[in-house]
């Protein structure tokens, strides 16, 4: 493949400046012996994080921490950002050739990465569902952090992509009471498809052993501290970007001996870090995606060519979404 050949041109979605996206062409390098050339079939817009990036809300202190694995450019822009990509290997080692793979790559129609950066999608997982791997991986890591037990009373606050994945995984915990909590009543249908109870915040059951908060709304964190029982744990997965967040640590917080702990997918949970790699964790997530109930999390689809027009609508909430799938021609 010639580096300057028209066939070696790729197209990618870039945030030119906060609030303005565009498709740009770029030259594809020739893949080396330990690299793969992937043609994208689908990518996914993770609305929470990508809306934050799109509006320019990543604080300067977090620019390094928020980098995606194959990000190009810098915050607040121009930047090529994204991490939910499923494609077919066109060139690479024989064991990967023509395989469907997941990669933490931005929205781009073809790309070259190290072979070790892709994970083969199991045959039991449709390619269009595999874009959820990033959300399921985050949920797996959070549950490794949280350590839920048989029979626990558990609340998940925030019925976004990650919250819904958490609820679905927890639904299989024997004798557990699991409630998915959100202010949006339309998420009740999603909860039913996932096999868990749905509650508005004011109707949620209290005395929880464990509350996982992923709403990215400070009011949700306050409610989490109200719902957790004495000596219980709140696991905070929300990332607030450049917003200051009040935490109610007065009243009975100390007397009840509550715990707030963070969970973040950038590092493997300390509970499994010595025995599981990032690749192991991703393999677990893809295996869990054999579950067809998770299809309910893909709430819309658009062609790649329309992404510059779709992204502002997703970021503003005009186009409601959990995960919005992007379809690529020839993928």
C-alpha atoms as a PDB file:
ATOM      1  CA  UNK A   1       0.000   0.000   0.000  1.00  0.00           C
ATOM      2  CA  UNK A   2       1.402   3.373  -0.942  1.00  0.00           C
ATOM      3  CA  UNK A   3       1.157   6.008   1.741  1.00  0.00           C
ATOM      4  CA  UNK A   4       0.084   8.655  -0.760  1.00  0.00           C
ATOM      5  CA  UNK A   5      -2.265   6.404  -2.711  1.00  0.00           C
ATOM      6  CA  UNK A   6      -5.944   7.446  -2.784  1.00  0.00           C
ATOM      7  CA  UNK A   7      -6.793   3.972  -1.454  1.00  0.00           C
ATOM      8  CA  UNK A   8      -4.677   4.826   1.613  1.00  0.00           C
ATOM      9  CA  UNK A   9      -6.847   7.804   2.578  1.00  0.00           C
ATOM     10  CA  UNK A  10      -9.027   7.628   5.661  1.00  0.00           C
ATOM     11  CA  UNK A  11     -11.776   9.931   6.910  1.00  0.00           C
ATOM     12  CA  UNK A  12     -12.204  10.789  10.578  1.00  0.00           C
ATOM     13  CA  UNK A  13     -14.498  12.900  12.728  1.00  0.00           C
ATOM     14  CA  UNK A  14     -12.707  15.827  14.381  1.00  0.00           C
ATOM     15  CA  UNK A  15     -13.905  18.383  16.887  1.00  0.00           C
ATOM     16  CA  UNK A  16     -12.577  21.532  15.214  1.00  0.00           C
ATOM     17  CA  UNK A  17     -13.503  23.683  18.214  1.00  0.00           C
ATOM     18  CA  UNK A  18     -16.046  23.289  21.024  1.00  0.00           C
ATOM     19  CA  UNK A  19     -19.443  22.774  19.443  1.00  0.00           C
ATOM     20  CA  UNK A  20     -18.203  22.329  15.861  1.00  0.00           C
ATOM     21  CA  UNK A  21     -17.304  18.971  14.296  1.00  0.00           C
ATOM     22  CA  UNK A  22     -16.173  18.019  10.796  1.00  0.00           C
ATOM     23  CA  UNK A  23     -14.903  15.089   8.746  1.00  0.00           C
ATOM     24  CA  UNK A  24     -11.237  15.295   7.759  1.00  0.00           C
ATOM     25  CA  UNK A  25      -9.153  13.158   5.428  1.00  0.00           C
ATOM     26  CA  UNK A  26      -5.797  11.771   6.463  1.00  0.00           C
ATOM     27  CA  UNK A  27      -3.190   9.454   4.991  1.00  0.00           C
ATOM     28  CA  UNK A  28      -3.091   5.881   6.265  1.00  0.00           C
ATOM     29  CA  UNK A  29       0.357   4.478   7.067  1.00  0.00           C
ATOM     30  CA  UNK A  30       1.402   1.102   5.704  1.00  0.00           C
ATOM     31  CA  UNK A  31       0.791  -1.491   8.438  1.00  0.00           C
ATOM     32  CA  UNK A  32       3.926  -3.105   9.848  1.00  0.00           C
ATOM     33  CA  UNK A  33       4.327  -6.808  10.668  1.00  0.00           C
ATOM     34  CA  UNK A  34       2.754  -6.409  14.128  1.00  0.00           C
ATOM     35  CA  UNK A  35      -0.014  -4.043  13.045  1.00  0.00           C
ATOM     36  CA  UNK A  36      -3.492  -4.360  11.576  1.00  0.00           C
ATOM     37  CA  UNK A  37      -5.464  -2.316   9.077  1.00  0.00           C
ATOM     38  CA  UNK A  38      -9.089  -2.176  10.184  1.00  0.00           C
ATOM     39  CA  UNK A  39     -12.107  -1.074   8.158  1.00  0.00           C
ATOM     40  CA  UNK A  40     -14.723   0.259  10.553  1.00  0.00           C
ATOM     41  CA  UNK A  41     -18.194  -1.271  10.481  1.00  0.00           C
ATOM     42  CA  UNK A  42     -19.677   0.632  13.408  1.00  0.00           C
ATOM     43  CA  UNK A  43     -18.646   3.148  16.019  1.00  0.00           C
ATOM     44  CA  UNK A  44     -20.616   4.279  19.027  1.00  0.00           C
ATOM     45  CA  UNK A  45     -21.143   7.722  20.519  1.00  0.00           C
ATOM     46  CA  UNK A  46     -20.871   7.469  24.286  1.00  0.00           C
ATOM     47  CA  UNK A  47     -23.118  10.464  24.873  1.00  0.00           C
ATOM     48  CA  UNK A  48     -22.075  11.424  28.407  1.00  0.00           C
ATOM     49  CA  UNK A  49     -18.323  11.649  27.897  1.00  0.00           C
ATOM     50  CA  UNK A  50     -18.405  12.729  24.273  1.00  0.00           C
ATOM     51  CA  UNK A  51     -20.923  15.497  25.012  1.00  0.00           C
ATOM     52  CA  UNK A  52     -18.518  16.810  27.649  1.00  0.00           C
ATOM     53  CA  UNK A  53     -15.672  16.778  25.117  1.00  0.00           C
ATOM     54  CA  UNK A  54     -17.864  18.290  22.395  1.00  0.00           C
ATOM     55  CA  UNK A  55     -18.831  21.292  24.512  1.00  0.00           C
ATOM     56  CA  UNK A  56     -15.209  21.857  25.573  1.00  0.00           C
ATOM     57  CA  UNK A  57     -15.859  20.899  29.191  1.00  0.00           C
ATOM     58  CA  UNK A  58     -12.668  18.957  29.937  1.00  0.00           C
ATOM     59  CA  UNK A  59     -10.738  21.021  32.520  1.00  0.00           C
ATOM     60  CA  UNK A  60      -7.084  21.754  31.777  1.00  0.00           C
ATOM     61  CA  UNK A  61      -6.013  19.788  34.837  1.00  0.00           C
ATOM     62  CA  UNK A  62      -7.610  16.652  33.354  1.00  0.00           C
ATOM     63  CA  UNK A  63      -6.431  16.884  29.750  1.00  0.00           C
ATOM     64  CA  UNK A  64      -3.901  14.095  30.216  1.00  0.00           C
ATOM     65  CA  UNK A  65      -6.233  11.859  32.256  1.00  0.00           C
ATOM     66  CA  UNK A  66      -9.041  12.193  29.712  1.00  0.00           C
ATOM     67  CA  UNK A  67      -6.987  11.249  26.661  1.00  0.00           C
ATOM     68  CA  UNK A  68      -8.479   8.394  24.671  1.00  0.00           C
ATOM     69  CA  UNK A  69      -6.005   5.640  23.698  1.00  0.00           C
ATOM     70  CA  UNK A  70      -5.773   6.743  20.034  1.00  0.00           C
ATOM     71  CA  UNK A  71      -6.743  10.365  20.406  1.00  0.00           C
ATOM     72  CA  UNK A  72      -5.136  12.868  18.034  1.00  0.00           C
ATOM     73  CA  UNK A  73      -4.936  16.565  18.794  1.00  0.00           C
ATOM     74  CA  UNK A  74      -5.532  18.219  22.144  1.00  0.00           C
ATOM     75  CA  UNK A  75      -8.462  19.443  24.214  1.00  0.00           C
ATOM     76  CA  UNK A  76     -10.440  21.587  23.750  1.00  0.00           C
ATOM     77  CA  UNK A  77      -9.735  21.216  20.007  1.00  0.00           C
ATOM     78  CA  UNK A  78      -8.963  20.435  17.321  1.00  0.00           C
ATOM     79  CA  UNK A  79      -9.177  16.873  18.624  1.00  0.00           C
ATOM     80  CA  UNK A  80     -10.086  13.437  17.263  1.00  0.00           C
ATOM     81  CA  UNK A  81     -11.811  11.653  20.127  1.00  0.00           C
ATOM     82  CA  UNK A  82     -13.775   8.443  20.660  1.00  0.00           C
ATOM     83  CA  UNK A  83     -13.307   4.897  21.916  1.00  0.00           C
ATOM     84  CA  UNK A  84     -16.094   2.589  20.682  1.00  0.00           C
ATOM     85  CA  UNK A  85     -15.091   1.108  17.335  1.00  0.00           C
ATOM     86  CA  UNK A  86     -15.905  -2.243  15.716  1.00  0.00           C
ATOM     87  CA  UNK A  87     -14.421  -3.213  12.369  1.00  0.00           C
ATOM     88  CA  UNK A  88     -13.014  -5.937  10.144  1.00  0.00           C
ATOM     89  CA  UNK A  89      -9.288  -6.591   9.834  1.00  0.00           C
ATOM     90  CA  UNK A  90      -8.252  -6.088   6.194  1.00  0.00           C
ATOM     91  CA  UNK A  91      -4.522  -6.578   6.689  1.00  0.00           C
ATOM     92  CA  UNK A  92      -2.559  -8.091   9.532  1.00  0.00           C
ATOM     93  CA  UNK A  93      -1.460 -11.370  11.103  1.00  0.00           C
ATOM     94  CA  UNK A  94      -3.173 -14.455   9.678  1.00  0.00           C
ATOM     95  CA  UNK A  95      -5.043 -15.193  12.915  1.00  0.00           C
ATOM     96  CA  UNK A  96      -6.737 -11.761  12.751  1.00  0.00           C
ATOM     97  CA  UNK A  97      -7.347 -11.438   9.014  1.00  0.00           C
ATOM     98  CA  UNK A  98     -11.065 -10.920   8.217  1.00  0.00           C
ATOM     99  CA  UNK A  99     -11.963 -11.148  11.909  1.00  0.00           C
ATOM    100  CA  UNK A 100     -14.377  -8.692  13.513  1.00  0.00           C
ATOM    101  CA  UNK A 101     -12.567  -6.765  16.237  1.00  0.00           C
ATOM    102  CA  UNK A 102     -13.236  -4.123  18.870  1.00  0.00           C
ATOM    103  CA  UNK A 103     -10.787  -1.259  19.354  1.00  0.00           C
ATOM    104  CA  UNK A 104     -10.718   1.848  21.545  1.00  0.00           C
ATOM    105  CA  UNK A 105     -10.438   4.014  18.432  1.00  0.00           C
ATOM    106  CA  UNK A 106     -12.170   7.290  17.456  1.00  0.00           C
ATOM    107  CA  UNK A 107     -14.776   7.699  14.717  1.00  0.00           C
ATOM    108  CA  UNK A 108     -12.783   6.899  11.557  1.00  0.00           C
ATOM    109  CA  UNK A 109     -13.536   4.708   8.553  1.00  0.00           C
ATOM    110  CA  UNK A 110     -10.139   2.927   8.331  1.00  0.00           C
ATOM    111  CA  UNK A 111      -7.158   2.918  10.672  1.00  0.00           C
ATOM    112  CA  UNK A 112      -3.865   1.198  11.487  1.00  0.00           C
ATOM    113  CA  UNK A 113      -3.063   0.138  15.058  1.00  0.00           C
ATOM    114  CA  UNK A 114      -0.856  -2.443  16.796  1.00  0.00           C
ATOM    115  CA  UNK A 115      -2.410  -5.901  16.606  1.00  0.00           C
ATOM    116  CA  UNK A 116      -2.351  -6.035  20.411  1.00  0.00           C
ATOM    117  CA  UNK A 117      -4.769  -3.061  20.509  1.00  0.00           C
ATOM    118  CA  UNK A 118      -7.695  -4.997  19.024  1.00  0.00           C
ATOM    119  CA  UNK A 119      -9.837  -7.674  20.647  1.00  0.00           C
ATOM    120  CA  UNK A 120     -11.601 -10.302  18.576  1.00  0.00           C
ATOM    121  CA  UNK A 121     -15.379 -10.110  18.947  1.00  0.00           C
ATOM    122  CA  UNK A 122     -16.775 -13.560  19.884  1.00  0.00           C
ATOM    123  CA  UNK A 123     -18.916 -15.274  17.255  1.00  0.00           C
ATOM    124  CA  UNK A 124     -21.896 -15.118  19.610  1.00  0.00           C
ATOM    125  CA  UNK A 125     -21.783 -11.288  19.686  1.00  0.00           C
ATOM    126  CA  UNK A 126     -23.225  -9.341  16.713  1.00  0.00           C
ATOM    127  CA  UNK A 127     -20.874  -6.636  15.426  1.00  0.00           C
ATOM    128  CA  UNK A 128     -23.529  -3.972  15.889  1.00  0.00           C
ATOM    129  CA  UNK A 129     -23.853  -4.801  19.609  1.00  0.00           C
ATOM    130  CA  UNK A 130     -20.099  -4.976  20.200  1.00  0.00           C
ATOM    131  CA  UNK A 131     -19.857  -1.160  20.263  1.00  0.00           C
ATOM    132  CA  UNK A 132     -21.177  -1.461  23.842  1.00  0.00           C
ATOM    133  CA  UNK A 133     -17.937  -3.130  24.951  1.00  0.00           C
ATOM    134  CA  UNK A 134     -16.557   0.053  26.487  1.00  0.00           C
ATOM    135  CA  UNK A 135     -19.617   0.546  28.693  1.00  0.00           C
ATOM    136  CA  UNK A 136     -19.701  -3.104  29.758  1.00  0.00           C
ATOM    137  CA  UNK A 137     -15.974  -2.986  30.529  1.00  0.00           C
ATOM    138  CA  UNK A 138     -16.559   0.052  32.761  1.00  0.00           C
ATOM    139  CA  UNK A 139     -19.359  -1.819  34.531  1.00  0.00           C
ATOM    140  CA  UNK A 140     -17.160  -4.894  35.040  1.00  0.00           C
ATOM    141  CA  UNK A 141     -14.433  -2.749  36.582  1.00  0.00           C
ATOM    142  CA  UNK A 142     -16.934  -0.987  38.850  1.00  0.00           C
ATOM    143  CA  UNK A 143     -18.282  -4.298  40.127  1.00  0.00           C
ATOM    144  CA  UNK A 144     -14.738  -5.485  40.794  1.00  0.00           C
ATOM    145  CA  UNK A 145     -14.329  -2.275  42.827  1.00  0.00           C
ATOM    146  CA  UNK A 146     -17.679  -2.589  44.588  1.00  0.00           C
ATOM    147  CA  UNK A 147     -17.650  -6.312  45.410  1.00  0.00           C
ATOM    148  CA  UNK A 148     -21.433  -6.876  45.628  1.00  0.00           C
ATOM    149  CA  UNK A 149     -22.547  -9.903  47.643  1.00  0.00           C
ATOM    150  CA  UNK A 150     -25.352 -12.443  47.348  1.00  0.00           C
ATOM    151  CA  UNK A 151     -28.568 -11.029  48.783  1.00  0.00           C
ATOM    152  CA  UNK A 152     -27.409  -7.401  48.742  1.00  0.00           C
ATOM    153  CA  UNK A 153     -29.825  -4.483  48.460  1.00  0.00           C
ATOM    154  CA  UNK A 154     -28.406  -2.427  45.610  1.00  0.00           C
ATOM    155  CA  UNK A 155     -29.344   0.816  43.883  1.00  0.00           C
ATOM    156  CA  UNK A 156     -27.897   2.055  40.588  1.00  0.00           C
ATOM    157  CA  UNK A 157     -28.528   5.784  40.172  1.00  0.00           C
ATOM    158  CA  UNK A 158     -28.378   6.965  36.573  1.00  0.00           C
ATOM    159  CA  UNK A 159     -29.881   4.953  33.709  1.00  0.00           C
ATOM    160  CA  UNK A 160     -27.312   5.903  31.096  1.00  0.00           C
ATOM    161  CA  UNK A 161     -25.167   3.412  29.198  1.00  0.00           C
ATOM    162  CA  UNK A 162     -22.964   2.426  32.136  1.00  0.00           C
ATOM    163  CA  UNK A 163     -25.773   2.464  34.688  1.00  0.00           C
ATOM    164  CA  UNK A 164     -27.885   0.182  32.518  1.00  0.00           C
ATOM    165  CA  UNK A 165     -24.965  -2.212  32.020  1.00  0.00           C
ATOM    166  CA  UNK A 166     -24.399  -2.292  35.785  1.00  0.00           C
ATOM    167  CA  UNK A 167     -28.053  -3.034  36.408  1.00  0.00           C
ATOM    168  CA  UNK A 168     -28.106  -5.867  33.883  1.00  0.00           C
ATOM    169  CA  UNK A 169     -25.003  -7.515  35.343  1.00  0.00           C
ATOM    170  CA  UNK A 170     -26.329  -7.132  38.901  1.00  0.00           C
ATOM    171  CA  UNK A 171     -29.671  -8.648  37.873  1.00  0.00           C
ATOM    172  CA  UNK A 172     -27.933 -12.033  37.843  1.00  0.00           C
ATOM    173  CA  UNK A 173     -26.776 -11.775  41.468  1.00  0.00           C
ATOM    174  CA  UNK A 174     -28.737 -14.368  43.496  1.00  0.00           C
ATOM    175  CA  UNK A 175     -31.342 -13.029  45.939  1.00  0.00           C
ATOM    176  CA  UNK A 176     -30.271  -9.424  45.323  1.00  0.00           C
ATOM    177  CA  UNK A 177     -32.680  -6.482  45.298  1.00  0.00           C
ATOM    178  CA  UNK A 178     -31.612  -4.277  42.389  1.00  0.00           C
ATOM    179  CA  UNK A 179     -33.247  -0.968  41.477  1.00  0.00           C
ATOM    180  CA  UNK A 180     -32.325   1.265  38.556  1.00  0.00           C
ATOM    181  CA  UNK A 181     -33.070   4.883  39.465  1.00  0.00           C
ATOM    182  CA  UNK A 182     -33.495   7.823  37.091  1.00  0.00           C
ATOM    183  CA  UNK A 183     -35.514  11.016  36.748  1.00  0.00           C
ATOM    184  CA  UNK A 184     -36.463  10.134  33.154  1.00  0.00           C
ATOM    185  CA  UNK A 185     -39.630   7.997  33.221  1.00  0.00           C
ATOM    186  CA  UNK A 186     -38.959   6.720  29.694  1.00  0.00           C
ATOM    187  CA  UNK A 187     -36.091   4.662  31.115  1.00  0.00           C
ATOM    188  CA  UNK A 188     -38.639   2.381  32.795  1.00  0.00           C
ATOM    189  CA  UNK A 189     -39.037   0.548  29.471  1.00  0.00           C
ATOM    190  CA  UNK A 190     -35.272   0.060  29.282  1.00  0.00           C
ATOM    191  CA  UNK A 191     -35.143  -1.245  32.859  1.00  0.00           C
ATOM    192  CA  UNK A 192     -37.925  -3.738  32.096  1.00  0.00           C
ATOM    193  CA  UNK A 193     -35.968  -5.038  29.089  1.00  0.00           C
ATOM    194  CA  UNK A 194     -32.930  -5.445  31.353  1.00  0.00           C
ATOM    195  CA  UNK A 195     -34.909  -7.374  33.963  1.00  0.00           C
ATOM    196  CA  UNK A 196     -34.594  -4.896  36.838  1.00  0.00           C
ATOM    197  CA  UNK A 197     -36.988  -2.691  38.765  1.00  0.00           C
ATOM    198  CA  UNK A 198     -37.166   0.987  37.836  1.00  0.00           C
ATOM    199  CA  UNK A 199     -37.759   3.729  40.380  1.00  0.00           C
ATOM    200  CA  UNK A 200     -37.952   7.501  40.376  1.00  0.00           C
ATOM    201  CA  UNK A 201     -35.475   8.955  42.917  1.00  0.00           C
ATOM    202  CA  UNK A 202     -38.179   9.772  45.466  1.00  0.00           C
ATOM    203  CA  UNK A 203     -39.662   6.260  45.241  1.00  0.00           C
ATOM    204  CA  UNK A 204     -36.424   4.287  45.625  1.00  0.00           C
ATOM    205  CA  UNK A 205     -35.986   1.818  48.470  1.00  0.00           C
ATOM    206  CA  UNK A 206     -33.516   2.819  51.170  1.00  0.00           C
ATOM    207  CA  UNK A 207     -31.257   0.877  53.560  1.00  0.00           C
ATOM    208  CA  UNK A 208     -29.093  -0.248  50.643  1.00  0.00           C
ATOM    209  CA  UNK A 209     -25.909  -2.189  51.213  1.00  0.00           C
ATOM    210  CA  UNK A 210     -24.433  -0.678  48.074  1.00  0.00           C
ATOM    211  CA  UNK A 211     -25.282   2.271  45.828  1.00  0.00           C
ATOM    212  CA  UNK A 212     -23.548   2.837  42.497  1.00  0.00           C
ATOM    213  CA  UNK A 213     -23.865   6.426  41.307  1.00  0.00           C
ATOM    214  CA  UNK A 214     -23.416   7.159  37.602  1.00  0.00           C
ATOM    215  CA  UNK A 215     -25.867   9.986  36.857  1.00  0.00           C
ATOM    216  CA  UNK A 216     -23.220  12.757  36.599  1.00  0.00           C
ATOM    217  CA  UNK A 217     -25.673  14.929  38.538  1.00  0.00           C
ATOM    218  CA  UNK A 218     -24.719  16.118  42.044  1.00  0.00           C
ATOM    219  CA  UNK A 219     -28.330  15.598  43.154  1.00  0.00           C
ATOM    220  CA  UNK A 220     -27.870  11.913  42.358  1.00  0.00           C
ATOM    221  CA  UNK A 221     -24.885  11.702  44.693  1.00  0.00           C
ATOM    222  CA  UNK A 222     -26.910  13.350  47.458  1.00  0.00           C
ATOM    223  CA  UNK A 223     -29.679  10.811  46.917  1.00  0.00           C
ATOM    224  CA  UNK A 224     -27.130   7.970  46.967  1.00  0.00           C
ATOM    225  CA  UNK A 225     -26.000   9.013  50.448  1.00  0.00           C
ATOM    226  CA  UNK A 226     -29.630   9.046  51.590  1.00  0.00           C
ATOM    227  CA  UNK A 227     -30.381   5.591  50.208  1.00  0.00           C
ATOM    228  CA  UNK A 228     -27.331   3.734  51.507  1.00  0.00           C
ATOM    229  CA  UNK A 229     -27.698   2.028  54.887  1.00  0.00           C
ATOM    230  CA  UNK A 230     -25.477   2.472  57.924  1.00  0.00           C
ATOM    231  CA  UNK A 231     -21.846   1.537  57.187  1.00  0.00           C
ATOM    232  CA  UNK A 232     -22.799   1.067  53.526  1.00  0.00           C
ATOM    233  CA  UNK A 233     -20.809   2.102  50.462  1.00  0.00           C
ATOM    234  CA  UNK A 234     -21.482   4.532  47.638  1.00  0.00           C
ATOM    235  CA  UNK A 235     -19.360   3.899  44.559  1.00  0.00           C
ATOM    236  CA  UNK A 236     -19.033   7.086  42.506  1.00  0.00           C
ATOM    237  CA  UNK A 237     -18.529   6.494  38.784  1.00  0.00           C
ATOM    238  CA  UNK A 238     -19.670   9.914  37.561  1.00  0.00           C
ATOM    239  CA  UNK A 239     -17.114  12.286  36.103  1.00  0.00           C
ATOM    240  CA  UNK A 240     -18.086  15.928  36.353  1.00  0.00           C
ATOM    241  CA  UNK A 241     -15.505  17.581  34.117  1.00  0.00           C
ATOM    242  CA  UNK A 242     -15.122  21.233  35.061  1.00  0.00           C
ATOM    243  CA  UNK A 243     -18.096  21.401  37.437  1.00  0.00           C
ATOM    244  CA  UNK A 244     -17.768  21.876  41.199  1.00  0.00           C
ATOM    245  CA  UNK A 245     -19.792  19.246  43.084  1.00  0.00           C
ATOM    246  CA  UNK A 246     -21.229  19.785  46.587  1.00  0.00           C
ATOM    247  CA  UNK A 247     -21.150  16.627  48.725  1.00  0.00           C
ATOM    248  CA  UNK A 248     -23.373  16.538  51.846  1.00  0.00           C
ATOM    249  CA  UNK A 249     -20.910  15.380  54.467  1.00  0.00           C
ATOM    250  CA  UNK A 250     -22.763  16.949  57.388  1.00  0.00           C
ATOM    251  CA  UNK A 251     -25.811  15.676  59.290  1.00  0.00           C
ATOM    252  CA  UNK A 252     -25.431  11.905  59.907  1.00  0.00           C
ATOM    253  CA  UNK A 253     -22.711  11.127  57.359  1.00  0.00           C
ATOM    254  CA  UNK A 254     -20.021  10.470  59.988  1.00  0.00           C
ATOM    255  CA  UNK A 255     -22.325   8.960  62.595  1.00  0.00           C
ATOM    256  CA  UNK A 256     -23.556   6.430  60.032  1.00  0.00           C
ATOM    257  CA  UNK A 257     -19.945   5.667  59.009  1.00  0.00           C
ATOM    258  CA  UNK A 258     -20.676   5.838  55.290  1.00  0.00           C
ATOM    259  CA  UNK A 259     -18.057   5.214  52.623  1.00  0.00           C
ATOM    260  CA  UNK A 260     -17.727   6.998  49.274  1.00  0.00           C
ATOM    261  CA  UNK A 261     -15.231   5.435  46.902  1.00  0.00           C
ATOM    262  CA  UNK A 262     -14.344   6.257  43.328  1.00  0.00           C
ATOM    263  CA  UNK A 263     -14.266   3.882  40.387  1.00  0.00           C
ATOM    264  CA  UNK A 264     -12.628   4.685  37.069  1.00  0.00           C
ATOM    265  CA  UNK A 265     -11.966   2.442  34.092  1.00  0.00           C
ATOM    266  CA  UNK A 266      -8.523   3.816  33.212  1.00  0.00           C
ATOM    267  CA  UNK A 267      -6.872   1.315  35.563  1.00  0.00           C
ATOM    268  CA  UNK A 268      -7.911  -2.242  36.374  1.00  0.00           C
ATOM    269  CA  UNK A 269      -9.568  -2.411  39.795  1.00  0.00           C
ATOM    270  CA  UNK A 270      -7.085  -3.036  42.645  1.00  0.00           C
ATOM    271  CA  UNK A 271      -9.218  -6.079  43.536  1.00  0.00           C
ATOM    272  CA  UNK A 272      -8.083  -7.773  40.300  1.00  0.00           C
ATOM    273  CA  UNK A 273      -5.059  -5.789  39.146  1.00  0.00           C
ATOM    274  CA  UNK A 274      -2.440  -8.409  40.015  1.00  0.00           C
ATOM    275  CA  UNK A 275      -4.314 -11.147  38.141  1.00  0.00           C
ATOM    276  CA  UNK A 276      -6.134  -9.406  35.269  1.00  0.00           C
ATOM    277  CA  UNK A 277      -4.816  -7.180  32.478  1.00  0.00           C
ATOM    278  CA  UNK A 278      -6.742  -4.579  30.490  1.00  0.00           C
ATOM    279  CA  UNK A 279      -7.009  -7.172  27.708  1.00  0.00           C
ATOM    280  CA  UNK A 280      -8.446  -9.751  30.133  1.00  0.00           C
ATOM    281  CA  UNK A 281     -11.028  -7.247  31.309  1.00  0.00           C
ATOM    282  CA  UNK A 282     -12.051  -6.378  27.740  1.00  0.00           C
ATOM    283  CA  UNK A 283     -12.366 -10.076  26.886  1.00  0.00           C
ATOM    284  CA  UNK A 284     -14.760 -10.480  29.842  1.00  0.00           C
ATOM    285  CA  UNK A 285     -16.817  -7.509  28.623  1.00  0.00           C
ATOM    286  CA  UNK A 286     -17.109  -8.911  25.103  1.00  0.00           C
ATOM    287  CA  UNK A 287     -18.122 -12.311  26.434  1.00  0.00           C
ATOM    288  CA  UNK A 288     -20.918 -10.660  28.440  1.00  0.00           C
ATOM    289  CA  UNK A 289     -22.173  -8.979  25.261  1.00  0.00           C
ATOM    290  CA  UNK A 290     -23.605 -12.285  24.065  1.00  0.00           C
ATOM    291  CA  UNK A 291     -26.647 -11.128  26.069  1.00  0.00           C
ATOM    292  CA  UNK A 292     -29.311  -9.886  23.571  1.00  0.00           C
ATOM    293  CA  UNK A 293     -31.045  -7.847  26.294  1.00  0.00           C
ATOM    294  CA  UNK A 294     -28.272  -5.262  25.921  1.00  0.00           C
ATOM    295  CA  UNK A 295     -29.542  -4.323  22.445  1.00  0.00           C
ATOM    296  CA  UNK A 296     -32.004  -1.999  24.192  1.00  0.00           C
ATOM    297  CA  UNK A 297     -29.076   0.340  24.938  1.00  0.00           C
ATOM    298  CA  UNK A 298     -28.573   1.154  21.239  1.00  0.00           C
ATOM    299  CA  UNK A 299     -31.191   3.832  20.798  1.00  0.00           C
ATOM    300  CA  UNK A 300     -30.430   5.238  17.346  1.00  0.00           C
ATOM    301  CA  UNK A 301     -28.266   4.916  14.245  1.00  0.00           C
ATOM    302  CA  UNK A 302     -26.898   7.359  11.687  1.00  0.00           C
ATOM    303  CA  UNK A 303     -24.526   7.186   8.701  1.00  0.00           C
ATOM    304  CA  UNK A 304     -20.935   8.255   9.283  1.00  0.00           C
ATOM    305  CA  UNK A 305     -21.316  11.120   6.778  1.00  0.00           C
ATOM    306  CA  UNK A 306     -23.954  12.719   9.025  1.00  0.00           C
ATOM    307  CA  UNK A 307     -21.892  12.637  12.230  1.00  0.00           C
ATOM    308  CA  UNK A 308     -20.968  16.380  12.115  1.00  0.00           C
ATOM    309  CA  UNK A 309     -24.702  17.205  12.122  1.00  0.00           C
ATOM    310  CA  UNK A 310     -25.695  14.469  14.596  1.00  0.00           C
ATOM    311  CA  UNK A 311     -23.077  15.157  17.292  1.00  0.00           C
ATOM    312  CA  UNK A 312     -24.388  18.627  18.305  1.00  0.00           C
ATOM    313  CA  UNK A 313     -27.900  17.188  18.645  1.00  0.00           C
ATOM    314  CA  UNK A 314     -26.612  14.324  20.800  1.00  0.00           C
ATOM    315  CA  UNK A 315     -24.492  16.651  22.945  1.00  0.00           C
ATOM    316  CA  UNK A 316     -27.374  19.062  23.568  1.00  0.00           C
ATOM    317  CA  UNK A 317     -29.880  16.305  24.354  1.00  0.00           C
ATOM    318  CA  UNK A 318     -32.097  17.307  21.429  1.00  0.00           C
ATOM    319  CA  UNK A 319     -31.572  13.757  20.162  1.00  0.00           C
ATOM    320  CA  UNK A 320     -32.092  11.512  23.223  1.00  0.00           C
ATOM    321  CA  UNK A 321     -29.729   8.552  23.319  1.00  0.00           C
ATOM    322  CA  UNK A 322     -28.055   5.940  25.429  1.00  0.00           C
ATOM    323  CA  UNK A 323     -25.621   4.744  22.776  1.00  0.00           C
ATOM    324  CA  UNK A 324     -25.992   6.130  19.256  1.00  0.00           C
ATOM    325  CA  UNK A 325     -24.547   3.825  16.608  1.00  0.00           C
ATOM    326  CA  UNK A 326     -22.679   5.152  13.576  1.00  0.00           C
ATOM    327  CA  UNK A 327     -22.834   3.022  10.422  1.00  0.00           C
ATOM    328  CA  UNK A 328     -19.928   3.086   7.930  1.00  0.00           C
ATOM    329  CA  UNK A 329     -20.210   2.418   4.202  1.00  0.00           C
ATOM    330  CA  UNK A 330     -18.581  -0.811   3.065  1.00  0.00           C
ATOM    331  CA  UNK A 331     -17.930  -1.928   6.642  1.00  0.00           C
END
